[in-house]
Amino acid sequence: MKYSRLTKEQFEELHQEFINFLATQSITHEEWTNLKLNKPELAETELDVFSDLIWEGVLNKAEYLEHFSPQHMYLFKLGEDKMHAIVVNVKNEAIDITTTEGYNWLRENLMDENVEFLQADKDYSEDKNLDKFNMIEQGASITKGDLYRYFDKLIN
């Protein structure tokens, strides 16, 4: 398996897609029930293949990622050949932008001397989607890019 297996909740949400996936492999409901009972390792493999297909589709469509830590906001635009990062760095350790109070402080004090903006381009490795997935595994979230675009206009 290339990524990670979907959770039980995700499988429930994608129930119809999973049925369609099994149908493309000519596996009927009865055969699936039989597989789960008599060949659980094969059923597990099917779950893994489906999970990877779903992740691949999601990662192909992802255009922006965000990751917050107490003093840093990482905003990524996922380009075709590389990703562009905007980092908002809060140099005052008393401010935690993962809290409502800290985030509000940042919004009201963007031009404060304790707020620093950095930008960088990063090339993908051989596997662009795996790079994106690893960032998600480390806490990044797929977004519509509103914060990225806001800060991009602000600093460029």
N, C-alpha and C. Protein backbone atom coordinates (compact mmCIF):
# COMPACT_ATOMS: atom_id res chain seq x y z
N MET A 1 0.84 -1.17 0.00
CA MET A 1 0.00 0.00 0.00
C MET A 1 0.89 1.24 0.00
N LYS A 2 0.57 2.17 -0.86
CA LYS A 2 1.39 3.36 -1.03
C LYS A 2 1.09 4.42 0.03
N TYR A 3 -0.18 4.62 0.37
CA TYR A 3 -0.57 5.66 1.32
C TYR A 3 -1.00 5.00 2.62
N SER A 4 -2.17 5.34 3.11
CA SER A 4 -2.68 4.65 4.30
C SER A 4 -4.11 4.21 4.03
N ARG A 5 -4.52 3.19 4.76
CA ARG A 5 -5.87 2.69 4.56
C ARG A 5 -6.88 3.72 5.08
N LEU A 6 -7.96 3.85 4.35
CA LEU A 6 -9.03 4.74 4.79
C LEU A 6 -9.59 4.24 6.11
N THR A 7 -10.13 5.15 6.88
CA THR A 7 -10.74 4.78 8.16
C THR A 7 -12.10 4.13 7.90
N LYS A 8 -12.63 3.49 8.93
CA LYS A 8 -13.96 2.88 8.84
C LYS A 8 -14.99 3.93 8.42
N GLU A 9 -14.88 5.13 9.00
CA GLU A 9 -15.82 6.21 8.68
C GLU A 9 -15.69 6.63 7.22
N GLN A 10 -14.45 6.70 6.72
CA GLN A 10 -14.24 7.07 5.32
C GLN A 10 -14.80 6.01 4.39
N PHE A 11 -14.59 4.73 4.75
CA PHE A 11 -15.16 3.65 3.92
C PHE A 11 -16.69 3.74 3.91
N GLU A 12 -17.28 4.04 5.07
CA GLU A 12 -18.74 4.16 5.13
C GLU A 12 -19.21 5.31 4.24
N GLU A 13 -18.47 6.42 4.27
CA GLU A 13 -18.81 7.59 3.46
C GLU A 13 -18.68 7.28 1.96
N LEU A 14 -17.74 6.40 1.62
CA LEU A 14 -17.47 6.06 0.22
C LEU A 14 -18.04 4.69 -0.15
N HIS A 15 -19.08 4.29 0.55
CA HIS A 15 -19.68 2.97 0.36
C HIS A 15 -20.04 2.69 -1.10
N GLN A 16 -20.72 3.64 -1.74
CA GLN A 16 -21.14 3.43 -3.13
C GLN A 16 -19.93 3.35 -4.07
N GLU A 17 -18.93 4.19 -3.82
CA GLU A 17 -17.72 4.14 -4.65
C GLU A 17 -17.00 2.80 -4.49
N PHE A 18 -17.03 2.25 -3.25
CA PHE A 18 -16.39 0.95 -3.02
C PHE A 18 -17.15 -0.16 -3.75
N ILE A 19 -18.47 -0.08 -3.73
CA ILE A 19 -19.28 -1.06 -4.48
C ILE A 19 -18.93 -0.98 -5.97
N ASN A 20 -18.83 0.23 -6.49
CA ASN A 20 -18.46 0.40 -7.91
C ASN A 20 -17.07 -0.15 -8.18
N PHE A 21 -16.14 0.09 -7.24
CA PHE A 21 -14.78 -0.44 -7.37
C PHE A 21 -14.79 -1.96 -7.46
N LEU A 22 -15.55 -2.59 -6.55
CA LEU A 22 -15.64 -4.05 -6.59
C LEU A 22 -16.27 -4.53 -7.89
N ALA A 23 -17.27 -3.80 -8.36
CA ALA A 23 -17.94 -4.17 -9.62
C ALA A 23 -16.97 -4.13 -10.79
N THR A 24 -16.07 -3.14 -10.80
CA THR A 24 -15.09 -3.06 -11.91
C THR A 24 -14.15 -4.26 -11.88
N GLN A 25 -14.06 -4.91 -10.73
CA GLN A 25 -13.23 -6.11 -10.62
C GLN A 25 -14.07 -7.39 -10.69
N SER A 26 -15.35 -7.21 -11.09
CA SER A 26 -16.30 -8.33 -11.22
C SER A 26 -16.48 -9.09 -9.91
N ILE A 27 -16.47 -8.36 -8.80
CA ILE A 27 -16.70 -8.98 -7.50
C ILE A 27 -18.11 -8.60 -7.04
N THR A 28 -18.95 -9.62 -6.91
CA THR A 28 -20.33 -9.38 -6.47
C THR A 28 -20.38 -9.26 -4.95
N HIS A 29 -21.56 -8.87 -4.44
CA HIS A 29 -21.75 -8.75 -2.99
C HIS A 29 -21.48 -10.10 -2.31
N GLU A 30 -21.99 -11.17 -2.90
CA GLU A 30 -21.81 -12.51 -2.32
C GLU A 30 -20.32 -12.89 -2.32
N GLU A 31 -19.65 -12.59 -3.43
CA GLU A 31 -18.21 -12.92 -3.50
C GLU A 31 -17.41 -12.10 -2.49
N TRP A 32 -17.81 -10.84 -2.28
CA TRP A 32 -17.12 -9.99 -1.30
C TRP A 32 -17.32 -10.55 0.11
N THR A 33 -18.53 -10.95 0.42
CA THR A 33 -18.82 -11.55 1.73
C THR A 33 -17.99 -12.82 1.91
N ASN A 34 -17.91 -13.62 0.88
CA ASN A 34 -17.12 -14.85 0.91
C ASN A 34 -15.63 -14.54 1.09
N LEU A 35 -15.14 -13.54 0.36
CA LEU A 35 -13.73 -13.14 0.49
C LEU A 35 -13.40 -12.74 1.92
N LYS A 36 -14.26 -11.93 2.51
CA LYS A 36 -14.01 -11.45 3.88
C LYS A 36 -13.94 -12.62 4.86
N LEU A 37 -14.79 -13.63 4.65
CA LEU A 37 -14.83 -14.77 5.57
C LEU A 37 -13.71 -15.77 5.32
N ASN A 38 -13.47 -16.10 4.06
CA ASN A 38 -12.57 -17.21 3.73
C ASN A 38 -11.18 -16.81 3.26
N LYS A 39 -11.04 -15.58 2.77
CA LYS A 39 -9.72 -15.11 2.32
C LYS A 39 -9.52 -13.67 2.80
N PRO A 40 -9.46 -13.49 4.12
CA PRO A 40 -9.38 -12.13 4.65
C PRO A 40 -8.17 -11.34 4.14
N GLU A 41 -7.07 -12.03 3.86
CA GLU A 41 -5.88 -11.32 3.36
C GLU A 41 -6.14 -10.74 1.97
N LEU A 42 -6.91 -11.42 1.16
CA LEU A 42 -7.27 -10.91 -0.16
C LEU A 42 -8.25 -9.73 -0.03
N ALA A 43 -9.19 -9.85 0.91
CA ALA A 43 -10.12 -8.74 1.17
C ALA A 43 -9.34 -7.51 1.64
N GLU A 44 -8.36 -7.72 2.51
CA GLU A 44 -7.52 -6.62 3.00
C GLU A 44 -6.79 -5.94 1.83
N THR A 45 -6.30 -6.74 0.90
CA THR A 45 -5.61 -6.20 -0.27
C THR A 45 -6.55 -5.32 -1.09
N GLU A 46 -7.78 -5.77 -1.26
CA GLU A 46 -8.76 -4.96 -2.00
C GLU A 46 -9.02 -3.63 -1.30
N LEU A 47 -9.13 -3.65 0.03
CA LEU A 47 -9.33 -2.42 0.80
C LEU A 47 -8.15 -1.47 0.61
N ASP A 48 -6.94 -2.04 0.60
CA ASP A 48 -5.73 -1.22 0.43
C ASP A 48 -5.67 -0.61 -0.97
N VAL A 49 -5.99 -1.40 -1.99
CA VAL A 49 -5.97 -0.90 -3.37
C VAL A 49 -6.99 0.23 -3.53
N PHE A 50 -8.19 0.03 -2.98
CA PHE A 50 -9.22 1.07 -3.04
C PHE A 50 -8.76 2.33 -2.31
N SER A 51 -8.18 2.17 -1.14
CA SER A 51 -7.68 3.32 -0.37
C SER A 51 -6.67 4.11 -1.18
N ASP A 52 -5.73 3.40 -1.80
CA ASP A 52 -4.72 4.09 -2.61
C ASP A 52 -5.35 4.83 -3.79
N LEU A 53 -6.35 4.23 -4.42
CA LEU A 53 -7.03 4.89 -5.53
C LEU A 53 -7.71 6.19 -5.07
N ILE A 54 -8.36 6.13 -3.93
CA ILE A 54 -9.03 7.32 -3.39
C ILE A 54 -7.99 8.39 -3.06
N TRP A 55 -6.93 8.01 -2.35
CA TRP A 55 -5.88 8.98 -2.01
C TRP A 55 -5.28 9.60 -3.26
N GLU A 56 -5.02 8.78 -4.27
CA GLU A 56 -4.42 9.28 -5.51
C GLU A 56 -5.32 10.36 -6.13
N GLY A 57 -6.63 10.11 -6.16
CA GLY A 57 -7.56 11.09 -6.71
C GLY A 57 -7.59 12.37 -5.90
N VAL A 58 -7.62 12.25 -4.58
CA VAL A 58 -7.64 13.42 -3.71
C VAL A 58 -6.35 14.23 -3.87
N LEU A 59 -5.22 13.56 -3.88
CA LEU A 59 -3.93 14.25 -3.97
C LEU A 59 -3.73 14.90 -5.34
N ASN A 60 -4.25 14.28 -6.39
CA ASN A 60 -4.17 14.89 -7.72
C ASN A 60 -4.93 16.20 -7.78
N LYS A 61 -6.04 16.30 -7.04
CA LYS A 61 -6.89 17.49 -7.07
C LYS A 61 -6.42 18.57 -6.10
N ALA A 62 -5.64 18.20 -5.09
CA ALA A 62 -5.23 19.16 -4.06
C ALA A 62 -4.39 20.28 -4.67
N GLU A 63 -4.75 21.52 -4.37
CA GLU A 63 -4.02 22.68 -4.87
C GLU A 63 -3.31 23.46 -3.78
N TYR A 64 -3.83 23.37 -2.55
CA TYR A 64 -3.27 24.13 -1.44
C TYR A 64 -3.23 23.27 -0.18
N LEU A 65 -2.19 23.48 0.62
CA LEU A 65 -2.10 22.86 1.94
C LEU A 65 -1.78 23.94 2.96
N GLU A 66 -2.25 23.74 4.18
CA GLU A 66 -1.93 24.64 5.29
C GLU A 66 -1.51 23.80 6.48
N HIS A 67 -0.55 24.32 7.22
CA HIS A 67 -0.14 23.66 8.46
C HIS A 67 0.18 24.73 9.49
N PHE A 68 -0.45 24.61 10.65
CA PHE A 68 -0.26 25.57 11.73
C PHE A 68 0.50 24.92 12.87
N SER A 69 1.42 25.68 13.46
CA SER A 69 2.04 25.32 14.72
C SER A 69 1.97 26.57 15.58
N PRO A 70 2.32 26.50 16.86
CA PRO A 70 2.13 27.66 17.73
C PRO A 70 2.71 28.98 17.20
N GLN A 71 3.89 28.95 16.59
CA GLN A 71 4.50 30.19 16.11
C GLN A 71 4.65 30.28 14.59
N HIS A 72 4.12 29.30 13.87
CA HIS A 72 4.31 29.29 12.42
C HIS A 72 3.01 28.93 11.69
N MET A 73 2.82 29.58 10.56
CA MET A 73 1.75 29.23 9.63
C MET A 73 2.43 28.91 8.30
N TYR A 74 2.26 27.68 7.85
CA TYR A 74 2.85 27.25 6.58
C TYR A 74 1.73 27.15 5.56
N LEU A 75 1.85 27.90 4.47
CA LEU A 75 0.84 27.92 3.42
C LEU A 75 1.50 27.47 2.12
N PHE A 76 0.97 26.45 1.50
CA PHE A 76 1.58 25.88 0.30
C PHE A 76 0.64 25.95 -0.89
N LYS A 77 1.17 26.40 -2.00
CA LYS A 77 0.47 26.29 -3.28
C LYS A 77 1.15 25.14 -4.02
N LEU A 78 0.36 24.13 -4.38
CA LEU A 78 0.91 22.92 -4.98
C LEU A 78 0.89 23.05 -6.49
N GLY A 79 1.99 23.53 -7.04
CA GLY A 79 2.10 23.71 -8.48
C GLY A 79 2.36 22.40 -9.20
N GLU A 80 2.44 22.48 -10.51
CA GLU A 80 2.66 21.29 -11.32
C GLU A 80 4.07 20.71 -11.10
N ASP A 81 5.08 21.61 -11.08
CA ASP A 81 6.46 21.15 -10.99
C ASP A 81 7.08 21.31 -9.60
N LYS A 82 6.52 22.24 -8.82
CA LYS A 82 7.07 22.48 -7.48
C LYS A 82 5.98 23.11 -6.62
N MET A 83 6.26 23.17 -5.34
CA MET A 83 5.32 23.84 -4.44
C MET A 83 5.94 25.15 -3.99
N HIS A 84 5.07 26.15 -3.79
CA HIS A 84 5.52 27.44 -3.28
C HIS A 84 5.01 27.56 -1.85
N ALA A 85 5.91 27.93 -0.96
CA ALA A 85 5.54 28.06 0.45
C ALA A 85 5.61 29.51 0.88
N ILE A 86 4.61 29.91 1.64
CA ILE A 86 4.64 31.17 2.37
C ILE A 86 4.61 30.78 3.84
N VAL A 87 5.57 31.29 4.60
CA VAL A 87 5.64 30.99 6.02
C VAL A 87 5.44 32.29 6.79
N VAL A 88 4.50 32.26 7.71
CA VAL A 88 4.29 33.38 8.62
C VAL A 88 4.88 32.94 9.95
N ASN A 89 5.88 33.67 10.40
CA ASN A 89 6.64 33.31 11.59
C ASN A 89 6.37 34.35 12.68
N VAL A 90 5.83 33.90 13.82
CA VAL A 90 5.61 34.80 14.95
C VAL A 90 6.78 34.61 15.91
N LYS A 91 7.58 35.66 16.07
CA LYS A 91 8.82 35.56 16.85
C LYS A 91 8.59 35.71 18.36
N ASN A 92 7.38 36.01 18.78
CA ASN A 92 7.06 36.13 20.20
C ASN A 92 6.46 34.81 20.68
N GLU A 93 7.20 34.06 21.51
CA GLU A 93 6.75 32.74 21.94
C GLU A 93 5.53 32.79 22.86
N ALA A 94 5.17 33.97 23.35
CA ALA A 94 3.97 34.11 24.18
C ALA A 94 2.70 34.05 23.32
N ILE A 95 2.86 34.23 22.02
CA ILE A 95 1.73 34.19 21.09
C ILE A 95 1.64 32.79 20.49
N ASP A 96 0.47 32.17 20.60
CA ASP A 96 0.22 30.85 20.03
C ASP A 96 -0.91 30.99 19.01
N ILE A 97 -0.56 30.97 17.72
CA ILE A 97 -1.57 31.22 16.68
C ILE A 97 -2.50 30.03 16.45
N THR A 98 -2.29 28.93 17.18
CA THR A 98 -3.24 27.82 17.09
C THR A 98 -4.43 28.04 18.02
N THR A 99 -4.36 29.10 18.83
CA THR A 99 -5.50 29.46 19.69
C THR A 99 -6.25 30.62 19.06
N THR A 100 -7.50 30.80 19.45
CA THR A 100 -8.30 31.91 18.93
C THR A 100 -7.66 33.24 19.28
N GLU A 101 -7.19 33.37 20.52
CA GLU A 101 -6.58 34.63 20.95
C GLU A 101 -5.31 34.91 20.14
N GLY A 102 -4.47 33.92 19.97
CA GLY A 102 -3.23 34.09 19.23
C GLY A 102 -3.47 34.41 17.76
N TYR A 103 -4.44 33.73 17.17
CA TYR A 103 -4.77 33.98 15.77
C TYR A 103 -5.31 35.39 15.60
N ASN A 104 -6.17 35.81 16.53
CA ASN A 104 -6.70 37.18 16.48
C ASN A 104 -5.58 38.20 16.64
N TRP A 105 -4.62 37.91 17.53
CA TRP A 105 -3.47 38.81 17.69
C TRP A 105 -2.74 38.95 16.35
N LEU A 106 -2.50 37.82 15.68
CA LEU A 106 -1.80 37.84 14.40
C LEU A 106 -2.57 38.68 13.38
N ARG A 107 -3.86 38.49 13.29
CA ARG A 107 -4.67 39.25 12.33
C ARG A 107 -4.57 40.75 12.57
N GLU A 108 -4.52 41.14 13.81
CA GLU A 108 -4.48 42.56 14.16
C GLU A 108 -3.08 43.15 14.14
N ASN A 109 -2.05 42.30 14.06
CA ASN A 109 -0.67 42.77 14.17
C ASN A 109 0.23 42.23 13.06
N LEU A 110 -0.31 42.13 11.86
CA LEU A 110 0.47 41.54 10.76
C LEU A 110 1.76 42.30 10.47
N MET A 111 1.76 43.61 10.71
CA MET A 111 2.96 44.40 10.41
C MET A 111 3.83 44.64 11.65
N ASP A 112 3.53 43.92 12.72
CA ASP A 112 4.33 44.02 13.95
C ASP A 112 5.74 43.49 13.69
N GLU A 113 6.71 43.99 14.42
CA GLU A 113 8.09 43.53 14.24
C GLU A 113 8.28 42.07 14.64
N ASN A 114 7.33 41.51 15.39
CA ASN A 114 7.40 40.11 15.79
C ASN A 114 6.82 39.16 14.74
N VAL A 115 6.36 39.70 13.62
CA VAL A 115 5.80 38.87 12.56
C VAL A 115 6.72 38.95 11.35
N GLU A 116 7.13 37.78 10.89
CA GLU A 116 8.07 37.69 9.77
C GLU A 116 7.44 36.84 8.66
N PHE A 117 7.65 37.24 7.42
CA PHE A 117 7.14 36.51 6.26
C PHE A 117 8.31 35.94 5.47
N LEU A 118 8.23 34.69 5.14
CA LEU A 118 9.26 34.03 4.33
C LEU A 118 8.58 33.34 3.16
N GLN A 119 9.30 33.20 2.07
CA GLN A 119 8.78 32.49 0.90
C GLN A 119 9.87 31.59 0.34
N ALA A 120 9.45 30.50 -0.23
CA ALA A 120 10.42 29.59 -0.86
C ALA A 120 9.69 28.67 -1.82
N ASP A 121 10.42 28.23 -2.83
CA ASP A 121 9.94 27.18 -3.72
C ASP A 121 10.61 25.89 -3.31
N LYS A 122 9.88 24.80 -3.43
CA LYS A 122 10.44 23.49 -3.11
C LYS A 122 10.08 22.55 -4.25
N ASP A 123 11.08 21.88 -4.78
CA ASP A 123 10.84 20.89 -5.82
C ASP A 123 10.24 19.63 -5.20
N TYR A 124 9.44 18.95 -5.98
CA TYR A 124 8.91 17.67 -5.54
C TYR A 124 10.00 16.61 -5.69
N SER A 125 9.83 15.52 -4.98
CA SER A 125 10.70 14.37 -5.19
C SER A 125 10.21 13.65 -6.45
N GLU A 126 10.60 12.42 -6.61
CA GLU A 126 10.15 11.63 -7.76
C GLU A 126 8.64 11.41 -7.74
N ASP A 127 8.04 11.45 -6.53
CA ASP A 127 6.62 11.15 -6.38
C ASP A 127 5.91 12.33 -5.72
N LYS A 128 5.35 13.20 -6.56
CA LYS A 128 4.70 14.42 -6.10
C LYS A 128 3.57 14.13 -5.11
N ASN A 129 2.74 13.15 -5.41
CA ASN A 129 1.61 12.86 -4.53
C ASN A 129 2.06 12.29 -3.18
N LEU A 130 3.13 11.55 -3.17
CA LEU A 130 3.64 11.04 -1.91
C LEU A 130 4.19 12.19 -1.06
N ASP A 131 4.79 13.18 -1.70
CA ASP A 131 5.23 14.38 -0.97
C ASP A 131 4.04 15.07 -0.31
N LYS A 132 2.97 15.23 -1.06
CA LYS A 132 1.75 15.85 -0.51
C LYS A 132 1.19 15.02 0.63
N PHE A 133 1.12 13.71 0.42
CA PHE A 133 0.58 12.82 1.44
C PHE A 133 1.39 12.90 2.72
N ASN A 134 2.72 12.91 2.59
CA ASN A 134 3.58 12.98 3.78
C ASN A 134 3.34 14.27 4.56
N MET A 135 3.09 15.36 3.85
CA MET A 135 2.79 16.62 4.53
C MET A 135 1.46 16.52 5.29
N ILE A 136 0.48 15.85 4.69
CA ILE A 136 -0.81 15.66 5.35
C ILE A 136 -0.63 14.77 6.59
N GLU A 137 0.17 13.74 6.46
CA GLU A 137 0.45 12.86 7.59
C GLU A 137 1.11 13.63 8.74
N GLN A 138 1.86 14.68 8.41
CA GLN A 138 2.53 15.49 9.43
C GLN A 138 1.64 16.61 9.97
N GLY A 139 0.39 16.67 9.51
CA GLY A 139 -0.54 17.62 10.09
C GLY A 139 -1.10 18.67 9.15
N ALA A 140 -0.66 18.70 7.91
CA ALA A 140 -1.18 19.69 6.96
C ALA A 140 -2.61 19.31 6.55
N SER A 141 -3.37 20.33 6.16
CA SER A 141 -4.75 20.12 5.70
C SER A 141 -4.89 20.66 4.28
N ILE A 142 -5.68 19.97 3.48
CA ILE A 142 -6.01 20.44 2.14
C ILE A 142 -7.01 21.58 2.30
N THR A 143 -6.77 22.70 1.60
CA THR A 143 -7.68 23.85 1.70
C THR A 143 -7.99 24.39 0.31
N LYS A 144 -8.84 25.41 0.29
CA LYS A 144 -9.18 26.10 -0.96
C LYS A 144 -8.16 27.19 -1.28
N GLY A 145 -7.26 27.50 -0.37
CA GLY A 145 -6.19 28.44 -0.65
C GLY A 145 -6.48 29.89 -0.30
N ASP A 146 -7.55 30.16 0.45
CA ASP A 146 -7.88 31.54 0.79
C ASP A 146 -6.76 32.24 1.55
N LEU A 147 -6.22 31.59 2.57
CA LEU A 147 -5.13 32.20 3.35
C LEU A 147 -3.88 32.40 2.49
N TYR A 148 -3.56 31.40 1.68
CA TYR A 148 -2.40 31.52 0.80
C TYR A 148 -2.55 32.75 -0.10
N ARG A 149 -3.69 32.88 -0.75
CA ARG A 149 -3.90 34.01 -1.67
C ARG A 149 -3.87 35.34 -0.92
N TYR A 150 -4.43 35.38 0.27
CA TYR A 150 -4.42 36.61 1.07
C TYR A 150 -2.98 37.04 1.36
N PHE A 151 -2.18 36.11 1.87
CA PHE A 151 -0.79 36.46 2.22
C PHE A 151 0.06 36.69 0.97
N ASP A 152 -0.24 36.00 -0.11
CA ASP A 152 0.48 36.22 -1.35
C ASP A 152 0.28 37.67 -1.83
N LYS A 153 -0.97 38.16 -1.76
CA LYS A 153 -1.24 39.55 -2.13
C LYS A 153 -0.59 40.53 -1.16
N LEU A 154 -0.61 40.19 0.09
CA LEU A 154 -0.06 41.07 1.13
C LEU A 154 1.44 41.28 0.96
N ILE A 155 2.17 40.23 0.65
CA ILE A 155 3.63 40.34 0.65
C ILE A 155 4.25 40.46 -0.74
N ASN A 156 3.47 40.25 -1.78
CA ASN A 156 4.07 40.33 -3.14
C ASN A 156 3.53 41.51 -3.93
